[in-house]
Amino acid sequence: MTFTIFSPTITNKTTVNRSVAIILSPPFKNQTESKNITTKLPPPSSFKKKKKLPPRSIAEDEDDKPLLRRASRVNPDSGSPRKLAFMFLTTSPLPFAPLWELYFNQTPQNIRLFNIYVHADPRFQYNPSFSGVFENRVISGSKPARRASPSLISAARRLLSHALLHDPSNYMFALLSPSCIPLHSFNYTYDTLMRSNKSFIQISKSQTGAHDRWAARGKHAMLPEVPFGIFRKGSQFFVLTRKHARMVVSDTRLWSKFKLPCLRKSSCYPEEHYFPTLLNMGDQRGCVPATLTHVDWRRSHGGHPRTYKASEIGRELILALRRGRPRYGSDSRVIKRRDPFLFARKFSLDSIEPLMRLATDVIFKD
């Protein structure tokens, strides 16, 4: 069973009626999606080697090719108000869904300025299921997504493809985690991003351990497409323009390298390198080399950034996160910018209650 949602009718000075269909998954019932690949064994008397199966990431990539191809060709709709695409990549129910519900309900009622897309790992049961503004927003073809593997890159490329195809009015594409919260009202976020014609993605040059990460698939595996000198690092949580979203889904050259399985798992974090390397190579001047999602790595633990606990949530914390400014690296073209953080992570699951108490008078008050 599948559901079909349509881009809503837009009403302003001129009425534009458009229905663009996208197939979404039904509500989850602990469903799993797998691709059965079998190998026919030769008879015992045969000396032929058994056929090798492709690595899982490569096999799954084949399934996505038609979607990516269609998404790379779709053109924007210049006749409609520009929209923000919010893309949630999750392996769990969205713990801050009530806060996001308030956030999205602030938008004008006569015109829809956003779309929501959810990539939900089908290995997990989603209880409670997605509801409210998230109902029927899970994209079809969601597959398992694991940290420190190419599957997280695939999930983001899948989200971008669906967002590009679903609504040609989507202008900016924000990738978010289930532990993200908004730091401002929707109107503030919308106005800030619509004033920009650049993507916001952290792009950092070589750091300690960078060569080990570059060579994690083999000493020369990344060559010649990705020399070490152009290898970059950054946060996976970005905001991309439509131009750059199409660049990501149309890429096959760099993806052919980043999707290769790692030989050294301890140095394998492809999701932190693929997007900044690709966009730095493809359109460096079209990017602001910083993420708009605040995260605190000074108090990291086990490879994860600081998680704010419910007891820490208060007006002072929200205002402090707002006062922070992104790091732009050594790029002299943008080092004097003062872009605001629009989102923040990570927050503990029990933070939802104090966050809801702050929503109206602090978080959404600009």
Protein backbone atom coordinates (compact mmCIF):
# COMPACT_ATOMS: atom_id res chain seq x y z
CA MET A 1 0.00 0.00 0.00
CA THR A 2 1.36 3.43 -0.87
CA PHE A 3 0.28 7.00 -0.32
CA THR A 4 0.57 9.86 -2.79
CA ILE A 5 0.92 13.44 -1.66
CA PHE A 6 0.68 16.44 -3.88
CA SER A 7 2.28 19.84 -3.76
CA PRO A 8 -0.38 22.12 -2.29
CA THR A 9 -2.17 24.78 -4.27
CA ILE A 10 -0.44 28.09 -3.86
CA THR A 11 -2.54 31.20 -3.55
CA ASN A 12 -1.30 34.76 -3.77
CA LYS A 13 -1.67 37.50 -6.37
CA THR A 14 -1.65 34.86 -9.04
CA THR A 15 -3.00 31.40 -8.44
CA VAL A 16 -0.80 28.52 -9.49
CA ASN A 17 -2.28 25.06 -9.49
CA ARG A 18 0.19 22.28 -9.80
CA SER A 19 0.13 18.65 -8.77
CA VAL A 20 3.42 16.85 -8.69
CA ALA A 21 3.14 13.37 -7.29
CA ILE A 22 5.65 11.62 -5.11
CA ILE A 23 5.13 8.18 -3.68
CA LEU A 24 5.65 7.93 0.05
CA SER A 25 5.87 4.90 2.25
CA PRO A 26 2.87 3.89 4.36
CA PRO A 27 3.09 4.23 8.13
CA PHE A 28 5.81 1.96 9.42
CA LYS A 29 4.90 -1.43 10.83
CA ASN A 30 8.43 -2.59 11.53
CA GLN A 31 8.79 -3.11 7.83
CA THR A 32 12.11 -3.95 6.25
CA GLU A 33 13.21 -3.62 2.70
CA SER A 34 15.86 -5.94 1.34
CA LYS A 35 17.24 -6.89 -1.99
CA ASN A 36 17.70 -10.62 -2.41
CA ILE A 37 20.81 -11.36 -4.38
CA THR A 38 21.59 -15.01 -4.99
CA THR A 39 24.58 -16.72 -6.49
CA LYS A 40 24.18 -19.91 -8.46
CA LEU A 41 26.81 -22.34 -7.24
CA PRO A 42 28.66 -24.46 -9.77
CA PRO A 43 28.48 -28.27 -9.55
CA PRO A 44 31.10 -29.90 -7.29
CA SER A 45 33.07 -31.09 -10.28
CA SER A 46 33.48 -27.56 -11.63
CA PHE A 47 36.67 -25.62 -10.97
CA LYS A 48 35.06 -22.20 -11.63
CA LYS A 49 35.26 -19.71 -8.81
CA LYS A 50 32.04 -18.77 -7.06
CA LYS A 51 30.63 -15.47 -8.31
CA LYS A 52 31.38 -12.65 -5.88
CA LEU A 53 28.56 -10.44 -4.71
CA PRO A 54 29.04 -6.67 -4.90
CA PRO A 55 29.44 -4.84 -1.58
CA ARG A 56 26.08 -3.87 -0.09
CA SER A 57 26.61 -0.14 -0.68
CA ILE A 58 27.31 -0.72 -4.38
CA ALA A 59 24.31 -3.04 -4.79
CA GLU A 60 22.00 -0.52 -3.11
CA ASP A 61 23.43 2.26 -5.25
CA GLU A 62 22.08 0.47 -8.34
CA ASP A 63 18.55 0.73 -6.94
CA ASP A 64 18.87 4.50 -6.55
CA LYS A 65 20.21 5.27 -10.02
CA PRO A 66 16.81 5.88 -11.73
CA LEU A 67 15.72 8.20 -8.90
CA LEU A 68 18.97 10.14 -8.95
CA ARG A 69 18.88 10.44 -12.73
CA ARG A 70 15.36 11.90 -12.74
CA ALA A 71 16.16 14.31 -9.92
CA SER A 72 19.27 15.63 -11.65
CA ARG A 73 17.20 16.71 -14.67
CA VAL A 74 14.26 18.50 -13.02
CA ASN A 75 14.17 22.27 -13.43
CA PRO A 76 13.06 24.83 -10.81
CA ASP A 77 9.67 26.55 -10.95
CA SER A 78 10.33 30.27 -11.19
CA GLY A 79 6.64 31.16 -11.08
CA SER A 80 5.93 30.09 -7.51
CA PRO A 81 7.07 31.34 -4.10
CA ARG A 82 10.36 29.74 -3.10
CA LYS A 83 10.23 27.10 -0.38
CA LEU A 84 12.45 25.46 2.19
CA ALA A 85 12.84 21.69 2.13
CA PHE A 86 13.40 20.22 5.60
CA MET A 87 14.96 16.77 5.33
CA PHE A 88 15.11 14.61 8.46
CA LEU A 89 17.47 11.61 8.42
CA THR A 90 16.47 9.36 11.30
CA THR A 91 16.65 5.88 12.78
CA SER A 92 14.11 6.63 15.50
CA PRO A 93 10.83 8.44 16.10
CA LEU A 94 11.42 12.18 16.07
CA PRO A 95 11.70 13.08 19.78
CA PHE A 96 11.24 16.81 19.16
CA ALA A 97 8.31 16.49 16.78
CA PRO A 98 6.01 18.58 19.08
CA LEU A 99 8.49 21.48 18.95
CA TRP A 100 8.81 21.22 15.16
CA GLU A 101 5.01 21.08 14.94
CA LEU A 102 4.79 24.48 16.65
CA TYR A 103 7.59 25.76 14.45
CA PHE A 104 5.88 24.84 11.19
CA ASN A 105 2.46 26.00 12.37
CA GLN A 106 3.81 29.55 12.54
CA THR A 107 3.83 29.79 8.76
CA PRO A 108 1.13 31.74 6.87
CA GLN A 109 -2.03 29.71 6.39
CA ASN A 110 -2.76 30.91 2.87
CA ILE A 111 0.60 29.87 1.42
CA ARG A 112 2.85 26.93 2.16
CA LEU A 113 6.50 27.92 2.28
CA PHE A 114 8.04 24.58 3.26
CA ASN A 115 8.05 20.86 2.58
CA ILE A 116 9.09 18.03 4.90
CA TYR A 117 10.83 14.80 3.95
CA VAL A 118 11.83 11.95 6.28
CA HIS A 119 14.29 9.15 5.56
CA ALA A 120 13.45 6.48 8.15
CA ASP A 121 15.73 3.45 8.49
CA PRO A 122 13.39 0.46 7.91
CA ARG A 123 15.31 -1.76 10.36
CA PHE A 124 13.59 -0.01 13.26
CA GLN A 125 10.05 0.20 14.57
CA TYR A 126 8.64 3.72 14.81
CA ASN A 127 6.39 3.87 17.83
CA PRO A 128 4.81 6.34 18.05
CA SER A 129 4.54 6.58 14.29
CA PHE A 130 5.03 9.85 12.41
CA SER A 131 2.03 12.14 12.79
CA GLY A 132 0.98 15.77 12.49
CA VAL A 133 3.17 17.64 10.00
CA PHE A 134 5.30 14.48 9.64
CA GLU A 135 2.44 12.19 8.65
CA ASN A 136 2.99 10.53 5.25
CA ARG A 137 6.32 12.32 4.84
CA VAL A 138 8.54 9.23 4.87
CA ILE A 139 10.12 8.86 1.45
CA SER A 140 9.84 5.59 -0.43
CA GLY A 141 13.02 3.61 -0.83
CA SER A 142 14.38 4.46 2.63
CA LYS A 143 17.18 2.02 3.40
CA PRO A 144 19.37 1.20 6.39
CA ALA A 145 21.65 4.13 7.27
CA ARG A 146 24.68 3.50 9.45
CA ARG A 147 27.13 5.98 10.88
CA ALA A 148 30.65 5.83 9.44
CA SER A 149 29.48 4.25 6.19
CA PRO A 150 28.46 5.34 2.68
CA SER A 151 24.85 4.50 3.57
CA LEU A 152 24.45 7.90 5.29
CA ILE A 153 25.56 9.60 2.06
CA SER A 154 23.07 7.50 0.10
CA ALA A 155 20.28 8.47 2.50
CA ALA A 156 21.02 12.18 2.06
CA ARG A 157 21.19 11.82 -1.74
CA ARG A 158 17.84 9.99 -1.62
CA LEU A 159 16.27 12.81 0.42
CA LEU A 160 17.60 15.45 -1.96
CA SER A 161 16.26 13.52 -4.95
CA HIS A 162 12.76 13.26 -3.53
CA ALA A 163 12.75 16.93 -2.53
CA LEU A 164 13.91 18.01 -6.00
CA LEU A 165 11.29 15.90 -7.75
CA HIS A 166 8.39 16.52 -5.40
CA ASP A 167 8.29 20.31 -5.62
CA PRO A 168 10.19 22.40 -8.19
CA SER A 169 9.65 25.39 -5.87
CA ASN A 170 12.01 23.97 -3.25
CA TYR A 171 14.87 26.48 -3.20
CA MET A 172 16.97 25.58 -0.14
CA PHE A 173 17.46 22.09 1.30
CA ALA A 174 18.28 21.64 5.01
CA LEU A 175 19.49 18.27 6.28
CA LEU A 176 18.61 17.66 9.94
CA SER A 177 19.04 14.89 12.51
CA PRO A 178 16.38 13.73 14.99
CA SER A 179 18.37 15.45 17.76
CA CYS A 180 18.16 18.87 16.05
CA ILE A 181 15.99 21.73 17.27
CA PRO A 182 15.26 25.14 15.73
CA LEU A 183 16.89 28.17 17.37
CA HIS A 184 14.60 30.78 15.77
CA SER A 185 11.09 31.10 14.40
CA PHE A 186 10.23 29.72 10.98
CA ASN A 187 9.85 33.24 9.58
CA TYR A 188 13.34 34.22 10.75
CA THR A 189 14.80 31.03 9.25
CA TYR A 190 12.94 31.51 5.98
CA ASP A 191 13.96 35.15 5.58
CA THR A 192 17.60 34.39 6.41
CA LEU A 193 17.92 31.60 3.87
CA MET A 194 15.93 33.29 1.13
CA ARG A 195 18.32 36.23 1.22
CA SER A 196 21.16 33.91 0.35
CA ASN A 197 22.18 32.55 -3.03
CA LYS A 198 24.86 30.36 -1.46
CA SER A 199 24.91 26.99 0.26
CA PHE A 200 25.99 26.66 3.88
CA ILE A 201 28.24 23.66 4.39
CA GLN A 202 31.29 23.27 6.59
CA ILE A 203 34.40 22.84 4.43
CA SER A 204 37.66 22.37 6.31
CA LYS A 205 41.11 21.56 4.99
CA SER A 206 43.30 18.73 6.19
CA GLN A 207 43.27 18.10 9.93
CA THR A 208 44.96 15.58 12.20
CA GLY A 209 44.28 12.08 10.88
CA ALA A 210 43.01 13.31 7.52
CA HIS A 211 45.42 11.18 5.51
CA ASP A 212 44.34 8.04 7.35
CA ARG A 213 40.73 8.82 6.48
CA TRP A 214 41.61 9.51 2.85
CA ALA A 215 43.49 6.18 2.60
CA ALA A 216 40.91 4.17 4.58
CA ARG A 217 39.78 2.34 1.41
CA GLY A 218 43.33 1.56 0.33
CA LYS A 219 46.56 3.45 -0.22
CA HIS A 220 45.66 4.71 -3.69
CA ALA A 221 41.94 3.85 -3.82
CA MET A 222 40.77 7.48 -4.06
CA LEU A 223 43.00 8.29 -7.03
CA PRO A 224 42.83 9.83 -9.54
CA GLU A 225 39.41 11.37 -8.80
CA VAL A 226 40.16 12.53 -5.26
CA PRO A 227 43.80 13.51 -4.65
CA PHE A 228 44.62 14.05 -0.98
CA GLY A 229 45.16 17.77 -1.61
CA ILE A 230 41.46 18.34 -2.35
CA PHE A 231 40.13 16.05 0.40
CA ARG A 232 37.90 18.10 2.75
CA LYS A 233 36.00 17.57 5.99
CA GLY A 234 32.78 19.03 7.34
CA SER A 235 29.52 18.52 9.17
CA GLN A 236 26.95 16.42 7.34
CA PHE A 237 24.22 18.85 8.39
CA PHE A 238 24.08 21.40 5.62
CA VAL A 239 21.75 23.79 3.83
CA LEU A 240 22.13 23.55 0.05
CA THR A 241 20.80 25.64 -2.81
CA ARG A 242 18.86 23.90 -5.53
CA LYS A 243 21.87 24.18 -7.84
CA HIS A 244 24.04 22.30 -5.36
CA ALA A 245 21.34 19.76 -4.54
CA ARG A 246 21.30 18.86 -8.24
CA MET A 247 25.10 18.72 -8.23
CA VAL A 248 25.01 16.15 -5.41
CA VAL A 249 22.40 13.86 -6.98
CA SER A 250 24.00 13.99 -10.43
CA ASP A 251 27.49 13.11 -9.18
CA THR A 252 28.89 9.73 -10.14
CA ARG A 253 32.60 10.52 -10.31
CA LEU A 254 33.38 11.18 -6.65
CA TRP A 255 30.63 8.84 -5.46
CA SER A 256 32.39 5.97 -7.24
CA LYS A 257 35.23 6.45 -4.74
CA PHE A 258 33.41 7.37 -1.55
CA LYS A 259 31.03 4.41 -1.80
CA LEU A 260 33.91 1.91 -1.70
CA PRO A 261 34.05 -0.15 1.51
CA CYS A 262 36.74 0.87 3.99
CA LEU A 263 39.59 -1.45 4.90
CA ARG A 264 40.20 0.43 8.16
CA LYS A 265 36.93 1.02 9.96
CA SER A 266 38.53 3.19 12.63
CA SER A 267 39.34 5.81 9.98
CA CYS A 268 36.13 5.53 7.98
CA TYR A 269 33.75 8.51 8.13
CA PRO A 270 32.76 9.09 4.50
CA GLU A 271 29.67 11.14 5.40
CA GLU A 272 31.98 13.82 6.87
CA HIS A 273 34.04 14.11 3.68
CA TYR A 274 31.95 13.42 0.60
CA PHE A 275 29.74 16.54 0.57
CA PRO A 276 32.41 19.15 1.43
CA THR A 277 34.89 17.61 -1.01
CA LEU A 278 32.34 17.49 -3.83
CA LEU A 279 31.06 21.04 -3.39
CA ASN A 280 34.50 22.49 -2.80
CA MET A 281 35.60 20.98 -6.12
CA GLY A 282 32.41 21.82 -7.99
CA ASP A 283 31.59 25.35 -6.82
CA GLN A 284 33.75 26.67 -4.00
CA ARG A 285 32.62 30.27 -4.49
CA GLY A 286 28.98 29.25 -4.32
CA CYS A 287 29.39 27.96 -0.77
CA VAL A 288 29.70 29.60 2.62
CA PRO A 289 32.12 27.12 4.27
CA ALA A 290 30.21 26.80 7.54
CA THR A 291 27.28 24.87 8.96
CA LEU A 292 24.26 26.71 10.40
CA THR A 293 23.66 23.88 12.89
CA HIS A 294 25.31 24.60 16.25
CA VAL A 295 27.15 21.71 17.87
CA ASP A 296 29.58 21.59 20.80
CA TRP A 297 32.60 19.36 20.17
CA ARG A 298 34.57 20.73 23.12
CA ARG A 299 32.79 18.30 25.43
CA SER A 300 32.47 15.37 23.05
CA HIS A 301 32.23 11.79 24.24
CA GLY A 302 32.88 8.60 22.31
CA GLY A 303 33.07 10.38 18.97
CA HIS A 304 29.77 12.20 19.56
CA PRO A 305 29.31 15.90 20.35
CA ARG A 306 27.98 17.17 23.64
CA THR A 307 24.39 16.27 24.45
CA TYR A 308 22.47 18.94 26.36
CA LYS A 309 20.48 17.46 29.24
CA ALA A 310 17.01 18.51 30.33
CA SER A 311 18.45 20.12 33.48
CA GLU A 312 20.58 22.43 31.31
CA ILE A 313 17.71 23.71 29.17
CA GLY A 314 16.80 27.31 29.86
CA ARG A 315 16.55 30.75 28.37
CA GLU A 316 20.26 31.38 28.94
CA LEU A 317 21.29 28.29 26.94
CA ILE A 318 19.11 29.16 23.94
CA LEU A 319 20.40 32.74 23.86
CA ALA A 320 24.00 31.54 24.22
CA LEU A 321 23.59 29.17 21.28
CA ARG A 322 22.14 32.03 19.24
CA ARG A 323 25.06 34.32 20.09
CA GLY A 324 27.54 31.82 18.74
CA ARG A 325 28.78 32.25 15.19
CA PRO A 326 29.92 29.60 12.71
CA ARG A 327 33.58 28.93 12.04
CA TYR A 328 34.58 29.78 8.50
CA GLY A 329 38.08 28.33 8.49
CA SER A 330 40.84 30.27 6.75
CA ASP A 331 38.81 31.45 3.75
CA SER A 332 39.44 35.20 3.67
CA ARG A 333 36.43 35.75 1.40
CA VAL A 334 33.95 34.88 4.13
CA ILE A 335 35.84 35.11 7.41
CA LYS A 336 34.14 38.42 8.30
CA ARG A 337 30.61 37.06 7.83
CA ARG A 338 28.25 36.92 10.81
CA ASP A 339 25.70 34.30 9.83
CA PRO A 340 23.36 33.13 12.61
CA PHE A 341 22.98 29.56 13.75
CA LEU A 342 19.48 28.45 12.75
CA PHE A 343 19.50 24.97 14.35
CA ALA A 344 21.30 23.18 17.18
CA ARG A 345 22.11 19.64 18.32
CA LYS A 346 22.32 17.39 20.30
CA PHE A 347 19.63 17.34 22.98
CA SER A 348 18.62 14.48 25.25
CA LEU A 349 15.22 12.86 24.72
CA ASP A 350 13.83 14.24 27.99
CA SER A 351 14.66 17.80 26.91
CA ILE A 352 11.37 18.09 25.05
CA GLU A 353 9.39 19.33 28.09
CA PRO A 354 11.63 22.28 29.02
CA LEU A 355 12.05 23.11 25.32
CA MET A 356 8.28 23.27 24.85
CA ARG A 357 8.01 25.64 27.81
CA LEU A 358 10.52 27.95 26.12
CA ALA A 359 9.07 27.70 22.62
CA THR A 360 6.77 30.70 22.45
CA ASP A 361 8.59 33.22 24.65
CA VAL A 362 12.21 32.35 23.81
CA ILE A 363 12.89 30.04 20.86
CA PHE A 364 10.33 31.54 18.48
CA LYS A 365 10.72 35.10 19.72
CA ASP A 366 13.20 36.90 17.44
